[in-house]
N, C-alpha and C. Protein backbone atom coordinates (compact mmCIF):
# COMPACT_ATOMS: atom_id res chain seq x y z
N ILE A 1 -28.19 -9.41 -1.15
CA ILE A 1 -26.79 -9.02 -1.17
C ILE A 1 -26.01 -9.84 -2.18
N HIS A 2 -26.39 -11.05 -2.41
CA HIS A 2 -25.67 -11.91 -3.33
C HIS A 2 -25.81 -11.46 -4.77
N ASP A 3 -26.74 -10.54 -5.02
CA ASP A 3 -26.93 -10.03 -6.39
C ASP A 3 -25.91 -8.95 -6.76
N TYR A 4 -25.14 -8.54 -5.83
CA TYR A 4 -24.19 -7.43 -6.06
C TYR A 4 -22.79 -7.97 -6.16
N SER A 5 -21.97 -7.33 -7.01
CA SER A 5 -20.60 -7.78 -7.18
C SER A 5 -19.67 -7.15 -6.16
N PHE A 6 -20.12 -6.08 -5.51
CA PHE A 6 -19.24 -5.41 -4.54
C PHE A 6 -20.08 -4.88 -3.40
N VAL A 7 -19.72 -5.25 -2.19
CA VAL A 7 -20.47 -4.86 -0.99
C VAL A 7 -19.56 -4.06 -0.08
N ILE A 8 -20.07 -2.88 0.29
CA ILE A 8 -19.31 -2.00 1.20
C ILE A 8 -20.10 -1.87 2.50
N LEU A 9 -19.46 -2.19 3.57
CA LEU A 9 -20.07 -2.07 4.90
C LEU A 9 -19.63 -0.74 5.50
N TYR A 10 -20.60 0.08 5.88
CA TYR A 10 -20.33 1.35 6.50
C TYR A 10 -20.73 1.35 7.95
N THR A 11 -19.79 1.53 8.86
CA THR A 11 -20.05 1.44 10.29
C THR A 11 -19.60 2.69 11.01
N PRO A 12 -20.40 3.77 10.89
CA PRO A 12 -20.01 5.00 11.61
C PRO A 12 -20.34 4.85 13.12
N THR A 13 -19.52 5.48 13.92
CA THR A 13 -19.81 5.49 15.35
C THR A 13 -20.72 6.66 15.68
N PHE A 14 -21.29 6.65 16.85
CA PHE A 14 -22.19 7.76 17.24
C PHE A 14 -21.35 8.98 17.60
N ARG A 15 -21.99 10.11 17.57
CA ARG A 15 -21.36 11.36 17.97
C ARG A 15 -22.01 11.76 19.33
N ASP A 16 -21.19 12.12 20.27
CA ASP A 16 -21.70 12.44 21.62
C ASP A 16 -22.66 13.59 21.63
N ASP A 17 -22.53 14.45 20.62
CA ASP A 17 -23.39 15.66 20.58
C ASP A 17 -24.59 15.55 19.66
N ASP A 18 -24.88 14.37 19.17
CA ASP A 18 -25.89 14.21 18.14
C ASP A 18 -27.24 13.72 18.74
N PHE A 19 -27.79 14.52 19.62
CA PHE A 19 -29.09 14.23 20.21
C PHE A 19 -30.11 15.22 19.61
N LYS A 20 -31.25 14.70 19.18
CA LYS A 20 -32.33 15.56 18.70
C LYS A 20 -33.62 15.07 19.36
N ASN A 21 -34.27 15.95 20.08
CA ASN A 21 -35.50 15.62 20.81
C ASN A 21 -35.31 14.39 21.71
N GLY A 22 -34.19 14.30 22.39
CA GLY A 22 -33.92 13.22 23.35
C GLY A 22 -33.57 11.90 22.69
N VAL A 23 -33.35 11.90 21.38
CA VAL A 23 -33.05 10.65 20.67
C VAL A 23 -31.64 10.79 20.08
N ARG A 24 -30.83 9.73 20.24
CA ARG A 24 -29.48 9.74 19.65
C ARG A 24 -29.64 9.49 18.17
N ASN A 25 -29.23 10.44 17.41
CA ASN A 25 -29.38 10.46 15.95
C ASN A 25 -28.04 10.13 15.27
N GLN A 26 -28.09 9.58 14.08
CA GLN A 26 -26.91 9.39 13.29
C GLN A 26 -27.13 10.02 11.95
N ASP A 27 -26.39 11.11 11.68
CA ASP A 27 -26.47 11.75 10.38
C ASP A 27 -25.58 11.00 9.41
N ILE A 28 -26.15 10.52 8.32
CA ILE A 28 -25.37 9.83 7.27
C ILE A 28 -25.24 10.84 6.16
N ASN A 29 -24.00 11.28 5.94
CA ASN A 29 -23.75 12.34 4.99
C ASN A 29 -22.87 11.89 3.82
N ILE A 30 -23.14 10.72 3.34
CA ILE A 30 -22.46 10.21 2.13
C ILE A 30 -23.51 10.08 1.04
N ASP A 31 -23.16 10.56 -0.14
CA ASP A 31 -24.08 10.41 -1.29
C ASP A 31 -23.76 9.06 -1.96
N PHE A 32 -24.34 8.02 -1.41
CA PHE A 32 -24.10 6.66 -1.89
C PHE A 32 -24.49 6.49 -3.34
N LYS A 33 -25.60 7.13 -3.73
CA LYS A 33 -26.06 7.03 -5.11
C LYS A 33 -25.02 7.58 -6.07
N GLU A 34 -24.46 8.72 -5.75
CA GLU A 34 -23.43 9.34 -6.61
C GLU A 34 -22.14 8.51 -6.67
N ILE A 35 -21.74 7.97 -5.53
CA ILE A 35 -20.57 7.13 -5.50
C ILE A 35 -20.78 5.90 -6.36
N ALA A 36 -21.92 5.24 -6.22
CA ALA A 36 -22.21 4.04 -7.00
C ALA A 36 -22.20 4.38 -8.51
N LYS A 37 -22.75 5.54 -8.85
CA LYS A 37 -22.79 5.94 -10.26
C LYS A 37 -21.37 6.14 -10.81
N LYS A 38 -20.51 6.79 -10.05
CA LYS A 38 -19.16 7.07 -10.50
C LYS A 38 -18.29 5.82 -10.58
N ILE A 39 -18.56 4.86 -9.69
CA ILE A 39 -17.77 3.61 -9.68
C ILE A 39 -18.21 2.71 -10.82
N ASP A 40 -19.46 2.82 -11.22
CA ASP A 40 -20.01 2.07 -12.35
C ASP A 40 -19.79 0.57 -12.17
N LYS A 41 -20.26 0.08 -11.06
CA LYS A 41 -20.18 -1.35 -10.74
C LYS A 41 -21.42 -1.66 -9.92
N GLU A 42 -21.88 -2.90 -9.99
CA GLU A 42 -23.01 -3.28 -9.15
C GLU A 42 -22.55 -3.31 -7.67
N ILE A 43 -22.95 -2.27 -6.96
CA ILE A 43 -22.42 -2.05 -5.63
C ILE A 43 -23.60 -1.84 -4.68
N VAL A 44 -23.45 -2.29 -3.47
CA VAL A 44 -24.41 -2.03 -2.43
C VAL A 44 -23.68 -1.60 -1.16
N PHE A 45 -24.26 -0.62 -0.48
CA PHE A 45 -23.72 -0.13 0.78
C PHE A 45 -24.61 -0.69 1.88
N LEU A 46 -23.98 -1.33 2.88
CA LEU A 46 -24.70 -1.77 4.07
C LEU A 46 -24.37 -0.78 5.18
N ILE A 47 -25.35 -0.19 5.79
CA ILE A 47 -25.11 0.75 6.89
C ILE A 47 -25.43 0.03 8.19
N ARG A 48 -24.41 0.01 9.06
CA ARG A 48 -24.60 -0.58 10.39
C ARG A 48 -24.16 0.46 11.41
N THR A 49 -25.13 1.14 11.99
CA THR A 49 -24.83 2.20 12.95
C THR A 49 -24.48 1.59 14.31
N HIS A 50 -23.96 2.41 15.17
CA HIS A 50 -23.65 2.03 16.55
C HIS A 50 -24.94 1.61 17.25
N TYR A 51 -24.86 0.67 18.17
CA TYR A 51 -26.09 0.19 18.82
C TYR A 51 -26.78 1.24 19.67
N LEU A 52 -26.13 2.32 20.03
CA LEU A 52 -26.75 3.38 20.80
C LEU A 52 -27.61 4.32 19.92
N VAL A 53 -27.42 4.25 18.63
CA VAL A 53 -28.15 5.13 17.73
C VAL A 53 -29.60 4.64 17.58
N GLN A 54 -30.50 5.56 17.71
CA GLN A 54 -31.93 5.24 17.62
C GLN A 54 -32.59 5.66 16.34
N LYS A 55 -31.97 6.65 15.65
CA LYS A 55 -32.58 7.16 14.42
C LYS A 55 -31.50 7.55 13.46
N ILE A 56 -31.72 7.24 12.17
CA ILE A 56 -30.78 7.61 11.14
C ILE A 56 -31.42 8.74 10.29
N THR A 57 -30.62 9.74 10.01
CA THR A 57 -31.01 10.81 9.11
C THR A 57 -30.09 10.79 7.90
N TYR A 58 -30.62 10.75 6.72
CA TYR A 58 -29.85 10.77 5.52
C TYR A 58 -29.79 12.15 4.91
N LYS A 59 -28.60 12.61 4.61
CA LYS A 59 -28.42 13.92 3.98
C LYS A 59 -28.84 13.89 2.52
N TYR A 60 -28.64 12.76 1.88
CA TYR A 60 -28.92 12.63 0.45
C TYR A 60 -30.07 11.64 0.25
N GLU A 61 -30.61 11.63 -0.96
CA GLU A 61 -31.66 10.66 -1.32
C GLU A 61 -31.11 9.26 -1.28
N ILE A 62 -31.86 8.37 -0.71
CA ILE A 62 -31.44 6.97 -0.59
C ILE A 62 -32.22 6.09 -1.57
N GLN A 63 -31.49 5.25 -2.27
CA GLN A 63 -32.12 4.26 -3.13
C GLN A 63 -31.95 2.90 -2.53
N GLU A 64 -33.01 2.18 -2.28
CA GLU A 64 -32.96 0.90 -1.58
C GLU A 64 -32.12 -0.15 -2.33
N ASN A 65 -32.00 -0.02 -3.63
CA ASN A 65 -31.20 -1.00 -4.35
C ASN A 65 -29.70 -0.71 -4.20
N ILE A 66 -29.33 0.44 -3.64
CA ILE A 66 -27.92 0.80 -3.46
C ILE A 66 -27.56 0.81 -1.96
N VAL A 67 -28.47 1.16 -1.09
CA VAL A 67 -28.20 1.30 0.34
C VAL A 67 -29.21 0.48 1.14
N LYS A 68 -28.67 -0.29 2.06
CA LYS A 68 -29.52 -1.09 2.96
C LYS A 68 -29.11 -0.82 4.40
N ASN A 69 -30.07 -0.44 5.23
CA ASN A 69 -29.82 -0.22 6.66
C ASN A 69 -29.89 -1.59 7.33
N VAL A 70 -28.74 -2.05 7.80
CA VAL A 70 -28.67 -3.35 8.48
C VAL A 70 -28.32 -3.18 9.95
N SER A 71 -28.68 -2.01 10.49
CA SER A 71 -28.35 -1.71 11.87
C SER A 71 -28.99 -2.66 12.87
N ASN A 72 -30.12 -3.23 12.50
CA ASN A 72 -30.78 -4.19 13.43
C ASN A 72 -30.40 -5.63 13.18
N TYR A 73 -29.54 -5.85 12.23
CA TYR A 73 -29.07 -7.22 11.98
C TYR A 73 -28.21 -7.64 13.17
N GLN A 74 -28.48 -8.76 13.75
CA GLN A 74 -27.89 -9.15 15.03
C GLN A 74 -26.39 -9.48 14.96
N ASN A 75 -25.96 -10.20 13.94
CA ASN A 75 -24.58 -10.71 13.93
C ASN A 75 -23.74 -9.89 12.95
N ILE A 76 -22.96 -8.96 13.47
CA ILE A 76 -22.12 -8.13 12.59
C ILE A 76 -21.03 -8.94 11.90
N ASN A 77 -20.68 -10.08 12.46
CA ASN A 77 -19.68 -10.91 11.81
C ASN A 77 -20.15 -11.38 10.44
N ASP A 78 -21.44 -11.66 10.28
CA ASP A 78 -21.97 -12.01 8.98
C ASP A 78 -21.76 -10.86 8.00
N LEU A 79 -21.94 -9.63 8.46
CA LEU A 79 -21.76 -8.48 7.59
C LEU A 79 -20.29 -8.30 7.20
N TYR A 80 -19.39 -8.58 8.14
CA TYR A 80 -17.94 -8.55 7.80
C TYR A 80 -17.65 -9.57 6.70
N ASN A 81 -18.25 -10.75 6.81
CA ASN A 81 -17.96 -11.82 5.84
C ASN A 81 -18.50 -11.49 4.44
N VAL A 82 -19.65 -10.88 4.31
CA VAL A 82 -20.22 -10.64 2.98
C VAL A 82 -19.69 -9.38 2.35
N SER A 83 -19.04 -8.51 3.12
CA SER A 83 -18.57 -7.24 2.55
C SER A 83 -17.19 -7.41 1.92
N ASN A 84 -16.90 -6.54 0.97
CA ASN A 84 -15.61 -6.51 0.33
C ASN A 84 -14.65 -5.47 0.94
N VAL A 85 -15.26 -4.46 1.57
CA VAL A 85 -14.49 -3.40 2.18
C VAL A 85 -15.31 -2.81 3.32
N LEU A 86 -14.62 -2.26 4.29
CA LEU A 86 -15.23 -1.54 5.41
C LEU A 86 -14.92 -0.06 5.28
N ILE A 87 -15.97 0.75 5.40
CA ILE A 87 -15.74 2.18 5.60
C ILE A 87 -16.22 2.48 7.01
N THR A 88 -15.38 3.11 7.78
CA THR A 88 -15.75 3.52 9.12
C THR A 88 -15.14 4.90 9.38
N ASP A 89 -15.34 5.39 10.57
CA ASP A 89 -14.76 6.68 10.92
C ASP A 89 -13.81 6.50 12.09
N TYR A 90 -14.39 6.36 13.28
CA TYR A 90 -13.61 6.22 14.53
C TYR A 90 -14.08 4.96 15.27
N SER A 91 -14.96 4.19 14.66
CA SER A 91 -15.51 2.99 15.28
C SER A 91 -14.46 1.92 15.51
N SER A 92 -14.56 1.23 16.60
CA SER A 92 -13.64 0.12 16.85
C SER A 92 -13.92 -1.11 16.01
N THR A 93 -14.94 -1.02 15.15
CA THR A 93 -15.25 -2.16 14.28
C THR A 93 -14.07 -2.54 13.40
N PHE A 94 -13.19 -1.58 13.14
CA PHE A 94 -12.05 -1.92 12.31
C PHE A 94 -11.15 -2.96 12.92
N PHE A 95 -11.06 -2.98 14.26
CA PHE A 95 -10.25 -4.01 14.91
C PHE A 95 -10.78 -5.42 14.59
N ASP A 96 -12.08 -5.57 14.69
CA ASP A 96 -12.71 -6.86 14.39
C ASP A 96 -12.58 -7.21 12.91
N TYR A 97 -12.70 -6.15 12.09
CA TYR A 97 -12.69 -6.37 10.61
C TYR A 97 -11.32 -6.80 10.12
N MET A 98 -10.27 -6.39 10.85
CA MET A 98 -8.92 -6.71 10.40
C MET A 98 -8.67 -8.21 10.23
N ILE A 99 -9.37 -9.02 10.98
CA ILE A 99 -9.16 -10.47 10.85
C ILE A 99 -9.57 -10.97 9.47
N THR A 100 -10.39 -10.25 8.76
CA THR A 100 -10.81 -10.64 7.42
C THR A 100 -9.73 -10.41 6.39
N LYS A 101 -8.77 -9.58 6.73
CA LYS A 101 -7.68 -9.17 5.78
C LYS A 101 -8.26 -8.50 4.55
N LYS A 102 -9.33 -7.76 4.76
CA LYS A 102 -9.95 -6.97 3.67
C LYS A 102 -9.68 -5.50 3.92
N PRO A 103 -9.76 -4.69 2.84
CA PRO A 103 -9.45 -3.26 2.95
C PRO A 103 -10.39 -2.49 3.85
N ILE A 104 -9.82 -1.45 4.48
CA ILE A 104 -10.56 -0.55 5.35
C ILE A 104 -10.31 0.89 4.90
N ILE A 105 -11.35 1.68 4.85
CA ILE A 105 -11.24 3.10 4.57
C ILE A 105 -11.79 3.85 5.80
N PHE A 106 -11.09 4.86 6.22
CA PHE A 106 -11.54 5.68 7.34
C PHE A 106 -12.04 7.03 6.82
N TYR A 107 -13.35 7.20 6.82
CA TYR A 107 -13.94 8.44 6.36
C TYR A 107 -14.21 9.33 7.56
N GLN A 108 -13.32 10.31 7.75
CA GLN A 108 -13.34 11.15 8.93
C GLN A 108 -13.60 12.61 8.56
N TYR A 109 -14.79 12.84 8.02
CA TYR A 109 -15.18 14.19 7.56
C TYR A 109 -15.17 15.23 8.68
N ASP A 110 -15.29 14.80 9.90
CA ASP A 110 -15.34 15.72 11.03
C ASP A 110 -14.18 15.48 12.01
N GLN A 111 -13.02 15.13 11.43
CA GLN A 111 -11.89 14.73 12.26
C GLN A 111 -11.47 15.77 13.28
N GLU A 112 -11.41 17.04 12.90
CA GLU A 112 -10.98 18.09 13.82
C GLU A 112 -11.97 18.23 15.00
N LYS A 113 -13.25 18.27 14.66
CA LYS A 113 -14.27 18.39 15.67
C LYS A 113 -14.29 17.17 16.60
N TYR A 114 -14.18 15.99 16.02
CA TYR A 114 -14.21 14.76 16.81
C TYR A 114 -13.02 14.70 17.74
N SER A 115 -11.87 15.07 17.20
CA SER A 115 -10.64 15.05 17.99
C SER A 115 -10.62 16.08 19.12
N ASN A 116 -11.03 17.31 18.79
CA ASN A 116 -10.93 18.40 19.75
C ASN A 116 -12.14 18.58 20.67
N ASP A 117 -13.33 18.29 20.15
CA ASP A 117 -14.57 18.63 20.92
C ASP A 117 -15.30 17.41 21.40
N LEU A 118 -15.07 16.26 20.84
CA LEU A 118 -15.83 15.07 21.26
C LEU A 118 -14.91 14.13 22.03
N ARG A 119 -14.72 12.94 21.56
CA ARG A 119 -13.99 11.96 22.33
C ARG A 119 -12.49 11.89 22.13
N GLY A 120 -12.00 12.36 20.99
CA GLY A 120 -10.57 12.26 20.74
C GLY A 120 -10.19 10.83 20.34
N PHE A 121 -8.91 10.55 20.37
CA PHE A 121 -8.39 9.27 19.90
C PHE A 121 -7.59 8.57 20.99
N TYR A 122 -7.58 7.22 20.92
CA TYR A 122 -6.83 6.42 21.90
C TYR A 122 -5.39 6.27 21.49
N PHE A 123 -5.10 6.41 20.21
CA PHE A 123 -3.72 6.35 19.71
C PHE A 123 -3.61 7.22 18.48
N ASP A 124 -2.40 7.45 18.04
CA ASP A 124 -2.15 8.32 16.89
C ASP A 124 -2.78 7.74 15.64
N ILE A 125 -3.70 8.47 15.04
CA ILE A 125 -4.48 7.94 13.92
C ILE A 125 -3.64 7.73 12.65
N LYS A 126 -2.43 8.23 12.62
CA LYS A 126 -1.58 7.97 11.46
C LYS A 126 -1.26 6.47 11.38
N TYR A 127 -1.53 5.71 12.40
CA TYR A 127 -1.28 4.27 12.38
C TYR A 127 -2.53 3.45 12.03
N LEU A 128 -3.60 4.08 11.68
CA LEU A 128 -4.85 3.35 11.33
C LEU A 128 -4.56 2.43 10.14
N PRO A 129 -5.16 1.26 10.11
CA PRO A 129 -4.90 0.28 9.05
C PRO A 129 -5.69 0.48 7.78
N GLY A 130 -5.62 1.70 7.27
CA GLY A 130 -6.30 2.01 6.00
C GLY A 130 -6.16 3.47 5.67
N GLU A 131 -6.61 3.84 4.50
CA GLU A 131 -6.52 5.20 4.08
C GLU A 131 -7.50 6.08 4.82
N ILE A 132 -7.05 7.26 5.23
CA ILE A 132 -7.89 8.22 5.91
C ILE A 132 -8.40 9.24 4.87
N ILE A 133 -9.71 9.37 4.78
CA ILE A 133 -10.36 10.25 3.82
C ILE A 133 -11.08 11.35 4.63
N LEU A 134 -10.83 12.59 4.29
CA LEU A 134 -11.46 13.71 5.01
C LEU A 134 -12.59 14.35 4.21
N GLU A 135 -12.63 14.10 2.91
CA GLU A 135 -13.62 14.70 2.05
C GLU A 135 -14.41 13.61 1.30
N GLU A 136 -15.70 13.77 1.25
CA GLU A 136 -16.53 12.80 0.56
C GLU A 136 -16.11 12.58 -0.88
N SER A 137 -15.68 13.64 -1.55
CA SER A 137 -15.27 13.55 -2.95
C SER A 137 -14.11 12.59 -3.16
N LYS A 138 -13.35 12.32 -2.13
CA LYS A 138 -12.19 11.43 -2.24
C LYS A 138 -12.56 9.95 -2.00
N LEU A 139 -13.79 9.67 -1.60
CA LEU A 139 -14.19 8.29 -1.36
C LEU A 139 -14.16 7.46 -2.64
N VAL A 140 -14.59 8.07 -3.76
CA VAL A 140 -14.62 7.33 -5.03
C VAL A 140 -13.20 6.88 -5.39
N ASP A 141 -12.23 7.75 -5.25
CA ASP A 141 -10.85 7.36 -5.56
C ASP A 141 -10.35 6.23 -4.64
N ALA A 142 -10.69 6.31 -3.36
CA ALA A 142 -10.25 5.28 -2.43
C ALA A 142 -10.88 3.95 -2.76
N ILE A 143 -12.14 3.96 -3.06
CA ILE A 143 -12.86 2.71 -3.44
C ILE A 143 -12.31 2.16 -4.74
N SER A 144 -12.07 3.05 -5.70
CA SER A 144 -11.54 2.63 -7.01
C SER A 144 -10.18 1.98 -6.87
N LYS A 145 -9.34 2.52 -6.00
CA LYS A 145 -8.01 1.88 -5.76
C LYS A 145 -8.19 0.44 -5.33
N ILE A 146 -9.13 0.22 -4.47
CA ILE A 146 -9.38 -1.16 -3.98
C ILE A 146 -9.86 -2.04 -5.13
N LEU A 147 -10.79 -1.52 -5.89
CA LEU A 147 -11.34 -2.29 -7.05
C LEU A 147 -10.27 -2.59 -8.07
N ASN A 148 -9.28 -1.69 -8.21
CA ASN A 148 -8.20 -1.88 -9.19
C ASN A 148 -6.99 -2.57 -8.59
N ASN A 149 -7.17 -3.16 -7.42
CA ASN A 149 -6.08 -3.85 -6.73
C ASN A 149 -4.85 -2.97 -6.52
N ASP A 150 -5.10 -1.69 -6.33
CA ASP A 150 -4.04 -0.72 -6.07
C ASP A 150 -4.08 -0.32 -4.61
N TYR A 151 -4.06 -1.32 -3.76
CA TYR A 151 -4.23 -1.11 -2.33
C TYR A 151 -3.33 -2.12 -1.62
N ASP A 152 -2.36 -1.63 -0.88
CA ASP A 152 -1.40 -2.50 -0.19
C ASP A 152 -1.89 -2.76 1.25
N ILE A 153 -2.71 -3.82 1.37
CA ILE A 153 -3.32 -4.12 2.66
C ILE A 153 -2.29 -4.44 3.72
N ASP A 154 -1.24 -5.16 3.33
CA ASP A 154 -0.20 -5.49 4.33
C ASP A 154 0.46 -4.24 4.87
N LYS A 155 0.70 -3.27 4.01
CA LYS A 155 1.30 -2.00 4.47
C LYS A 155 0.45 -1.33 5.51
N TYR A 156 -0.84 -1.26 5.23
CA TYR A 156 -1.78 -0.58 6.15
C TYR A 156 -1.93 -1.40 7.46
N TYR A 157 -2.11 -2.68 7.34
CA TYR A 157 -2.29 -3.49 8.55
C TYR A 157 -1.02 -3.49 9.41
N ASN A 158 0.12 -3.67 8.78
CA ASN A 158 1.37 -3.68 9.52
C ASN A 158 1.67 -2.30 10.13
N ASN A 159 1.16 -1.25 9.51
CA ASN A 159 1.32 0.10 10.07
C ASN A 159 0.74 0.14 11.50
N LEU A 160 -0.41 -0.45 11.70
CA LEU A 160 -1.00 -0.47 13.02
C LEU A 160 -0.32 -1.52 13.93
N LEU A 161 -0.17 -2.73 13.40
CA LEU A 161 0.37 -3.82 14.22
C LEU A 161 1.76 -3.53 14.72
N ASN A 162 2.54 -2.80 13.97
CA ASN A 162 3.89 -2.46 14.42
C ASN A 162 3.95 -1.37 15.44
N HIS A 163 2.83 -0.71 15.69
CA HIS A 163 2.82 0.42 16.62
C HIS A 163 1.90 0.28 17.82
N ILE A 164 1.26 -0.87 17.92
CA ILE A 164 0.45 -1.10 19.13
C ILE A 164 1.38 -1.59 20.25
N ASP A 165 1.18 -1.06 21.40
CA ASP A 165 1.98 -1.44 22.55
C ASP A 165 1.52 -2.78 23.04
N MET A 166 2.27 -3.81 22.70
CA MET A 166 1.89 -5.18 23.07
C MET A 166 2.45 -5.59 24.46
N GLU A 167 3.12 -4.68 25.12
CA GLU A 167 3.69 -5.05 26.41
C GLU A 167 2.65 -5.32 27.45
N ILE A 168 1.42 -4.82 27.26
CA ILE A 168 0.38 -5.10 28.21
C ILE A 168 -0.30 -6.47 27.94
N GLU A 169 0.07 -7.10 26.80
CA GLU A 169 -0.51 -8.37 26.47
C GLU A 169 0.40 -9.50 27.01
N TYR A 170 -0.22 -10.55 27.45
CA TYR A 170 0.53 -11.67 27.97
C TYR A 170 0.14 -12.93 27.19
N LYS A 171 1.13 -13.73 26.86
CA LYS A 171 0.89 -14.92 26.04
C LYS A 171 0.01 -15.92 26.77
N ASP A 172 -0.01 -15.90 28.06
CA ASP A 172 -0.80 -16.89 28.84
C ASP A 172 -2.05 -16.27 29.41
N ALA A 173 -2.50 -15.17 28.90
CA ALA A 173 -3.66 -14.49 29.47
C ALA A 173 -4.90 -15.36 29.60
N THR A 174 -5.25 -16.06 28.50
CA THR A 174 -6.47 -16.89 28.54
C THR A 174 -6.30 -18.01 29.57
N LYS A 175 -5.16 -18.64 29.53
CA LYS A 175 -4.89 -19.75 30.48
C LYS A 175 -5.00 -19.22 31.95
N ASN A 176 -4.45 -18.04 32.20
CA ASN A 176 -4.52 -17.51 33.56
C ASN A 176 -5.94 -17.19 34.00
N VAL A 177 -6.77 -16.69 33.06
CA VAL A 177 -8.16 -16.39 33.41
C VAL A 177 -8.93 -17.67 33.70
N VAL A 178 -8.74 -18.68 32.85
CA VAL A 178 -9.41 -19.97 33.07
C VAL A 178 -9.01 -20.56 34.40
N GLU A 179 -7.72 -20.55 34.71
CA GLU A 179 -7.26 -21.14 35.97
C GLU A 179 -7.78 -20.31 37.15
N TYR A 180 -7.91 -19.02 37.00
CA TYR A 180 -8.44 -18.19 38.04
C TYR A 180 -9.88 -18.51 38.36
N ILE A 181 -10.67 -18.72 37.27
CA ILE A 181 -12.09 -19.00 37.41
C ILE A 181 -12.35 -20.43 37.90
N TRP A 182 -11.73 -21.39 37.26
CA TRP A 182 -12.00 -22.83 37.53
C TRP A 182 -10.91 -23.54 38.34
N GLY A 183 -9.86 -22.83 38.66
CA GLY A 183 -8.79 -23.46 39.42
C GLY A 183 -7.80 -24.13 38.47
N LYS A 184 -6.67 -24.56 39.02
CA LYS A 184 -5.63 -25.12 38.20
C LYS A 184 -5.89 -26.56 37.78
N ASN A 185 -6.84 -27.23 38.34
CA ASN A 185 -7.13 -28.61 37.98
C ASN A 185 -8.20 -28.65 37.00
């Protein structure tokens, strides 16, 4: 990974309807090779699927020097640290990734189906902390914006942070849990 100048971590979540022969499958439908060619930079994509996924199916030809399956790598935090950007869809990994203050792209090629037929969303996706991309052809532009420093990370992050209902959060939550478990002394 250290041989590449730009590392993109891709963390798609599983689809509830993606079972084949009793195995939870993950269809990867991004042409990584084509994106890398268009960006014209030493780039590597790290794919980290959801832990429930048992098999990955690639729609396009995969080149090992461009794409690495790191789904079995134990510590995802290491992957957050080495990556320059996160591409995800509906995965909650973006919440953890936000602490890095690095760009996030939401590639939601099946947004209508996911929203209406699968799990839906917990909050209005217009508040997601990154650009939402619906078409694969738009991924190159989104990545290029980041490479050209044409990406307002504070705008995207604040978009979410200003709209999360924090009333359910308590400033003494950790203290209260510790006191409950071990007592006040």
